[in-house]
Amino acid sequence: MKIKLYCPFCERCIGYSISSDNTGLTKILVKEPKRLRKTQMIHQIKCSKCKSDLFVSMEFTDQIINPEN
């Protein structure tokens, strides 16, 4: 699954989120989150057009509880 990520200020494409299945959730945030979940990663980037600081939140939504079954 390939999703384009856009800057919320200038609507320019800032990158892609590519995953092999539908278990990931990717969001563009304007402010850094105060708390992180265990399955969440935050990456700080700068838009190349408007130079604003953005935060990309990547998170797993569905997790395999018992991979042996």
PDB file of N, CA and C in Angstrom:
ATOM      1  N   MET A   1       0.842  -1.167   0.000  1.00  0.00           N
ATOM      2  CA  MET A   1       0.000   0.000   0.000  1.00  0.00           C
ATOM      3  C   MET A   1       0.894   1.238   0.000  1.00  0.00           C
ATOM      4  N   LYS A   2       0.658   2.152  -0.909  1.00  0.00           N
ATOM      5  CA  LYS A   2       1.474   3.357  -1.046  1.00  0.00           C
ATOM      6  C   LYS A   2       0.576   4.590  -0.892  1.00  0.00           C
ATOM      7  N   ILE A   3       0.906   5.445   0.076  1.00  0.00           N
ATOM      8  CA  ILE A   3       0.116   6.640   0.362  1.00  0.00           C
ATOM      9  C   ILE A   3       1.009   7.864   0.224  1.00  0.00           C
ATOM     10  N   LYS A   4       0.530   8.887  -0.481  1.00  0.00           N
ATOM     11  CA  LYS A   4       1.256  10.147  -0.572  1.00  0.00           C
ATOM     12  C   LYS A   4       0.990  10.989   0.667  1.00  0.00           C
ATOM     13  N   LEU A   5       2.035  11.629   1.193  1.00  0.00           N
ATOM     14  CA  LEU A   5       1.918  12.506   2.352  1.00  0.00           C
ATOM     15  C   LEU A   5       2.079  13.948   1.890  1.00  0.00           C
ATOM     16  N   TYR A   6       1.169  14.824   2.327  1.00  0.00           N
ATOM     17  CA  TYR A   6       1.161  16.217   1.895  1.00  0.00           C
ATOM     18  C   TYR A   6       1.364  17.156   3.080  1.00  0.00           C
ATOM     19  N   CYS A   7       2.008  18.282   2.827  1.00  0.00           N
ATOM     20  CA  CYS A   7       2.171  19.336   3.826  1.00  0.00           C
ATOM     21  C   CYS A   7       0.802  19.985   4.056  1.00  0.00           C
ATOM     22  N   PRO A   8       0.372  20.150   5.310  1.00  0.00           N
ATOM     23  CA  PRO A   8      -0.936  20.767   5.562  1.00  0.00           C
ATOM     24  C   PRO A   8      -0.968  22.270   5.277  1.00  0.00           C
ATOM     25  N   PHE A   9       0.195  22.902   5.156  1.00  0.00           N
ATOM     26  CA  PHE A   9       0.244  24.337   4.913  1.00  0.00           C
ATOM     27  C   PHE A   9       0.243  24.686   3.430  1.00  0.00           C
ATOM     28  N   CYS A  10       1.122  24.047   2.656  1.00  0.00           N
ATOM     29  CA  CYS A  10       1.261  24.424   1.242  1.00  0.00           C
ATOM     30  C   CYS A  10       0.765  23.345   0.282  1.00  0.00           C
ATOM     31  N   GLU A  11       0.309  22.204   0.807  1.00  0.00           N
ATOM     32  CA  GLU A  11      -0.243  21.088   0.021  1.00  0.00           C
ATOM     33  C   GLU A  11       0.763  20.454  -0.934  1.00  0.00           C
ATOM     34  N   ARG A  12       2.041  20.590  -0.667  1.00  0.00           N
ATOM     35  CA  ARG A  12       3.070  19.954  -1.485  1.00  0.00           C
ATOM     36  C   ARG A  12       3.316  18.533  -0.987  1.00  0.00           C
ATOM     37  N   CYS A  13       3.586  17.616  -1.901  1.00  0.00           N
ATOM     38  CA  CYS A  13       3.882  16.238  -1.529  1.00  0.00           C
ATOM     39  C   CYS A  13       5.244  16.212  -0.836  1.00  0.00           C
ATOM     40  N   ILE A  14       5.283  15.678   0.379  1.00  0.00           N
ATOM     41  CA  ILE A  14       6.543  15.634   1.129  1.00  0.00           C
ATOM     42  C   ILE A  14       7.122  14.227   1.193  1.00  0.00           C
ATOM     43  N   GLY A  15       6.394  13.244   0.691  1.00  0.00           N
ATOM     44  CA  GLY A  15       6.917  11.889   0.684  1.00  0.00           C
ATOM     45  C   GLY A  15       5.829  10.847   0.560  1.00  0.00           C
ATOM     46  N   TYR A  16       6.240   9.595   0.703  1.00  0.00           N
ATOM     47  CA  TYR A  16       5.340   8.460   0.576  1.00  0.00           C
ATOM     48  C   TYR A  16       5.439   7.580   1.800  1.00  0.00           C
ATOM     49  N   SER A  17       4.356   6.929   2.115  1.00  0.00           N
ATOM     50  CA  SER A  17       4.328   5.905   3.142  1.00  0.00           C
ATOM     51  C   SER A  17       4.007   4.592   2.441  1.00  0.00           C
ATOM     52  N   ILE A  18       4.950   3.656   2.506  1.00  0.00           N
ATOM     53  CA  ILE A  18       4.784   2.382   1.820  1.00  0.00           C
ATOM     54  C   ILE A  18       4.755   1.275   2.864  1.00  0.00           C
ATOM     55  N   SER A  19       3.696   0.460   2.835  1.00  0.00           N
ATOM     56  CA  SER A  19       3.596  -0.669   3.754  1.00  0.00           C
ATOM     57  C   SER A  19       3.146  -1.905   2.990  1.00  0.00           C
ATOM     58  N   SER A  20       3.504  -3.051   3.516  1.00  0.00           N
ATOM     59  CA  SER A  20       3.173  -4.300   2.843  1.00  0.00           C
ATOM     60  C   SER A  20       1.753  -4.770   3.141  1.00  0.00           C
ATOM     61  N   ASP A  21       1.143  -4.236   4.203  1.00  0.00           N
ATOM     62  CA  ASP A  21      -0.229  -4.600   4.536  1.00  0.00           C
ATOM     63  C   ASP A  21      -0.943  -3.379   5.113  1.00  0.00           C
ATOM     64  N   ASN A  22      -2.166  -3.542   5.543  1.00  0.00           N
ATOM     65  CA  ASN A  22      -2.973  -2.417   6.024  1.00  0.00           C
ATOM     66  C   ASN A  22      -2.921  -2.246   7.534  1.00  0.00           C
ATOM     67  N   THR A  23      -1.831  -2.631   8.181  1.00  0.00           N
ATOM     68  CA  THR A  23      -1.757  -2.529   9.635  1.00  0.00           C
ATOM     69  C   THR A  23      -1.116  -1.234  10.111  1.00  0.00           C
ATOM     70  N   GLY A  24      -0.684  -0.369   9.212  1.00  0.00           N
ATOM     71  CA  GLY A  24      -0.023   0.869   9.606  1.00  0.00           C
ATOM     72  C   GLY A  24      -0.913   2.077   9.431  1.00  0.00           C
ATOM     73  N   LEU A  25      -0.680   3.079  10.269  1.00  0.00           N
ATOM     74  CA  LEU A  25      -1.411   4.331  10.202  1.00  0.00           C
ATOM     75  C   LEU A  25      -0.385   5.456  10.192  1.00  0.00           C
ATOM     76  N   THR A  26      -0.441   6.315   9.178  1.00  0.00           N
ATOM     77  CA  THR A  26       0.510   7.416   9.042  1.00  0.00           C
ATOM     78  C   THR A  26      -0.250   8.734   9.062  1.00  0.00           C
ATOM     79  N   LYS A  27       0.214   9.682   9.884  1.00  0.00           N
ATOM     80  CA  LYS A  27      -0.413  10.999   9.992  1.00  0.00           C
ATOM     81  C   LYS A  27       0.662  12.071   9.931  1.00  0.00           C
ATOM     82  N   ILE A  28       0.293  13.228   9.400  1.00  0.00           N
ATOM     83  CA  ILE A  28       1.146  14.413   9.428  1.00  0.00           C
ATOM     84  C   ILE A  28       0.628  15.328  10.531  1.00  0.00           C
ATOM     85  N   LEU A  29       1.500  15.662  11.477  1.00  0.00           N
ATOM     86  CA  LEU A  29       1.115  16.507  12.605  1.00  0.00           C
ATOM     87  C   LEU A  29       1.852  17.839  12.533  1.00  0.00           C
ATOM     88  N   VAL A  30       1.187  18.904  12.967  1.00  0.00           N
ATOM     89  CA  VAL A  30       1.783  20.237  12.973  1.00  0.00           C
ATOM     90  C   VAL A  30       2.558  20.464  14.271  1.00  0.00           C
ATOM     91  N   LYS A  31       2.056  19.906  15.379  1.00  0.00           N
ATOM     92  CA  LYS A  31       2.708  20.033  16.678  1.00  0.00           C
ATOM     93  C   LYS A  31       3.217  18.670  17.123  1.00  0.00           C
ATOM     94  N   GLU A  32       4.302  18.685  17.866  1.00  0.00           N
ATOM     95  CA  GLU A  32       4.851  17.442  18.393  1.00  0.00           C
ATOM     96  C   GLU A  32       3.910  16.889  19.466  1.00  0.00           C
ATOM     97  N   PRO A  33       3.578  15.602  19.404  1.00  0.00           N
ATOM     98  CA  PRO A  33       2.671  15.045  20.420  1.00  0.00           C
ATOM     99  C   PRO A  33       3.324  15.009  21.795  1.00  0.00           C
ATOM    100  N   LYS A  34       2.508  15.178  22.815  1.00  0.00           N
ATOM    101  CA  LYS A  34       3.006  15.183  24.196  1.00  0.00           C
ATOM    102  C   LYS A  34       3.357  13.773  24.673  1.00  0.00           C
ATOM    103  N   ARG A  35       2.525  12.790  24.274  1.00  0.00           N
ATOM    104  CA  ARG A  35       2.746  11.413  24.701  1.00  0.00           C
ATOM    105  C   ARG A  35       2.878  10.520  23.475  1.00  0.00           C
ATOM    106  N   LEU A  36       3.652   9.478  23.613  1.00  0.00           N
ATOM    107  CA  LEU A  36       3.798   8.491  22.557  1.00  0.00           C
ATOM    108  C   LEU A  36       3.212   7.159  23.017  1.00  0.00           C
ATOM    109  N   ARG A  37       2.553   6.486  22.100  1.00  0.00           N
ATOM    110  CA  ARG A  37       2.092   5.130  22.396  1.00  0.00           C
ATOM    111  C   ARG A  37       3.250   4.164  22.188  1.00  0.00           C
ATOM    112  N   LYS A  38       3.088   2.931  22.644  1.00  0.00           N
ATOM    113  CA  LYS A  38       4.157   1.939  22.508  1.00  0.00           C
ATOM    114  C   LYS A  38       4.414   1.572  21.052  1.00  0.00           C
ATOM    115  N   THR A  39       3.382   1.662  20.219  1.00  0.00           N
ATOM    116  CA  THR A  39       3.513   1.253  18.820  1.00  0.00           C
ATOM    117  C   THR A  39       3.675   2.448  17.890  1.00  0.00           C
ATOM    118  N   GLN A  40       4.032   3.610  18.407  1.00  0.00           N
ATOM    119  CA  GLN A  40       4.098   4.833  17.617  1.00  0.00           C
ATOM    120  C   GLN A  40       5.538   5.334  17.495  1.00  0.00           C
ATOM    121  N   MET A  41       5.881   5.807  16.289  1.00  0.00           N
ATOM    122  CA  MET A  41       7.179   6.440  16.047  1.00  0.00           C
ATOM    123  C   MET A  41       6.922   7.827  15.457  1.00  0.00           C
ATOM    124  N   ILE A  42       7.726   8.794  15.860  1.00  0.00           N
ATOM    125  CA  ILE A  42       7.597  10.163  15.371  1.00  0.00           C
ATOM    126  C   ILE A  42       8.886  10.559  14.667  1.00  0.00           C
ATOM    127  N   HIS A  43       8.748  11.135  13.473  1.00  0.00           N
ATOM    128  CA  HIS A  43       9.886  11.646  12.724  1.00  0.00           C
ATOM    129  C   HIS A  43       9.639  13.122  12.438  1.00  0.00           C
ATOM    130  N   GLN A  44      10.633  13.957  12.700  1.00  0.00           N
ATOM    131  CA  GLN A  44      10.512  15.384  12.428  1.00  0.00           C
ATOM    132  C   GLN A  44      11.123  15.663  11.057  1.00  0.00           C
ATOM    133  N   ILE A  45      10.366  16.382  10.215  1.00  0.00           N
ATOM    134  CA  ILE A  45      10.850  16.756   8.888  1.00  0.00           C
ATOM    135  C   ILE A  45      10.555  18.229   8.655  1.00  0.00           C
ATOM    136  N   LYS A  46      11.161  18.778   7.617  1.00  0.00           N
ATOM    137  CA  LYS A  46      10.932  20.171   7.237  1.00  0.00           C
ATOM    138  C   LYS A  46      10.452  20.178   5.792  1.00  0.00           C
ATOM    139  N   CYS A  47       9.362  20.880   5.537  1.00  0.00           N
ATOM    140  CA  CYS A  47       8.823  20.983   4.183  1.00  0.00           C
ATOM    141  C   CYS A  47       9.816  21.769   3.331  1.00  0.00           C
ATOM    142  N   SER A  48      10.110  21.238   2.151  1.00  0.00           N
ATOM    143  CA  SER A  48      11.104  21.895   1.305  1.00  0.00           C
ATOM    144  C   SER A  48      10.582  23.164   0.645  1.00  0.00           C
ATOM    145  N   LYS A  49       9.269  23.330   0.574  1.00  0.00           N
ATOM    146  CA  LYS A  49       8.703  24.519  -0.056  1.00  0.00           C
ATOM    147  C   LYS A  49       8.444  25.652   0.947  1.00  0.00           C
ATOM    148  N   CYS A  50       7.675  25.366   2.001  1.00  0.00           N
ATOM    149  CA  CYS A  50       7.300  26.437   2.939  1.00  0.00           C
ATOM    150  C   CYS A  50       8.179  26.479   4.187  1.00  0.00           C
ATOM    151  N   LYS A  51       9.121  25.516   4.327  1.00  0.00           N
ATOM    152  CA  LYS A  51      10.099  25.471   5.427  1.00  0.00           C
ATOM    153  C   LYS A  51       9.468  25.318   6.810  1.00  0.00           C
ATOM    154  N   SER A  52       8.257  24.794   6.902  1.00  0.00           N
ATOM    155  CA  SER A  52       7.635  24.592   8.204  1.00  0.00           C
ATOM    156  C   SER A  52       8.039  23.225   8.766  1.00  0.00           C
ATOM    157  N   ASP A  53       8.148  23.143  10.090  1.00  0.00           N
ATOM    158  CA  ASP A  53       8.485  21.895  10.758  1.00  0.00           C
ATOM    159  C   ASP A  53       7.230  21.042  10.877  1.00  0.00           C
ATOM    160  N   LEU A  54       7.335  19.778  10.470  1.00  0.00           N
ATOM    161  CA  LEU A  54       6.225  18.841  10.521  1.00  0.00           C
ATOM    162  C   LEU A  54       6.670  17.587  11.244  1.00  0.00           C
ATOM    163  N   PHE A  55       5.721  16.850  11.773  1.00  0.00           N
ATOM    164  CA  PHE A  55       5.987  15.604  12.471  1.00  0.00           C
ATOM    165  C   PHE A  55       5.184  14.503  11.805  1.00  0.00           C
ATOM    166  N   VAL A  56       5.860  13.430  11.426  1.00  0.00           N
ATOM    167  CA  VAL A  56       5.210  12.294  10.797  1.00  0.00           C
ATOM    168  C   VAL A  56       5.044  11.218  11.858  1.00  0.00           C
ATOM    169  N   SER A  57       3.800  10.846  12.124  1.00  0.00           N
ATOM    170  CA  SER A  57       3.483   9.820  13.102  1.00  0.00           C
ATOM    171  C   SER A  57       3.186   8.526  12.359  1.00  0.00           C
ATOM    172  N   MET A  58       3.951   7.476  12.671  1.00  0.00           N
ATOM    173  CA  MET A  58       3.716   6.157  12.093  1.00  0.00           C
ATOM    174  C   MET A  58       3.401   5.200  13.232  1.00  0.00           C
ATOM    175  N   GLU A  59       2.326   4.432  13.037  1.00  0.00           N
ATOM    176  CA  GLU A  59       1.821   3.608  14.132  1.00  0.00           C
ATOM    177  C   GLU A  59       1.242   2.304  13.580  1.00  0.00           C
ATOM    178  N   PHE A  60       1.404   1.234  14.338  1.00  0.00           N
ATOM    179  CA  PHE A  60       0.778  -0.036  14.001  1.00  0.00           C
ATOM    180  C   PHE A  60      -0.605  -0.075  14.631  1.00  0.00           C
ATOM    181  N   THR A  61      -1.614  -0.453  13.853  1.00  0.00           N
ATOM    182  CA  THR A  61      -2.979  -0.500  14.382  1.00  0.00           C
ATOM    183  C   THR A  61      -3.368  -1.901  14.794  1.00  0.00           C
ATOM    184  N   ASP A  62      -3.106  -2.898  13.971  1.00  0.00           N
ATOM    185  CA  ASP A  62      -3.443  -4.289  14.290  1.00  0.00           C
ATOM    186  C   ASP A  62      -2.143  -5.037  14.547  1.00  0.00           C
ATOM    187  N   GLN A  63      -2.075  -5.688  15.661  1.00  0.00           N
ATOM    188  CA  GLN A  63      -0.887  -6.454  15.982  1.00  0.00           C
ATOM    189  C   GLN A  63      -1.232  -7.922  16.100  1.00  0.00           C
ATOM    190  N   ILE A  64      -0.308  -8.746  15.726  1.00  0.00           N
ATOM    191  CA  ILE A  64      -0.487 -10.187  15.841  1.00  0.00           C
ATOM    192  C   ILE A  64      -0.242 -10.568  17.301  1.00  0.00           C
ATOM    193  N   ILE A  65      -1.248 -11.172  17.923  1.00  0.00           N
ATOM    194  CA  ILE A  65      -1.127 -11.524  19.327  1.00  0.00           C
ATOM    195  C   ILE A  65      -0.303 -12.788  19.509  1.00  0.00           C
ATOM    196  N   ASN A  66      -0.590 -13.808  18.735  1.00  0.00           N
ATOM    197  CA  ASN A  66       0.150 -15.061  18.839  1.00  0.00           C
ATOM    198  C   ASN A  66       0.589 -15.477  17.437  1.00  0.00           C
ATOM    199  N   PRO A  67       1.824 -15.219  17.035  1.00  0.00           N
ATOM    200  CA  PRO A  67       2.255 -15.488  15.656  1.00  0.00           C
ATOM    201  C   PRO A  67       2.400 -16.969  15.340  1.00  0.00           C
ATOM    202  N   GLU A  68       2.363 -17.870  16.340  1.00  0.00           N
ATOM    203  CA  GLU A  68       2.528 -19.287  16.090  1.00  0.00           C
ATOM    204  C   GLU A  68       1.281 -19.941  15.522  1.00  0.00           C
ATOM    205  N   ASN A  69       0.114 -19.347  15.689  1.00  0.00           N
ATOM    206  CA  ASN A  69      -1.148 -19.932  15.203  1.00  0.00           C
ATOM    207  C   ASN A  69      -1.431 -19.529  13.787  1.00  0.00           C
TER     208      ASN A  69
END
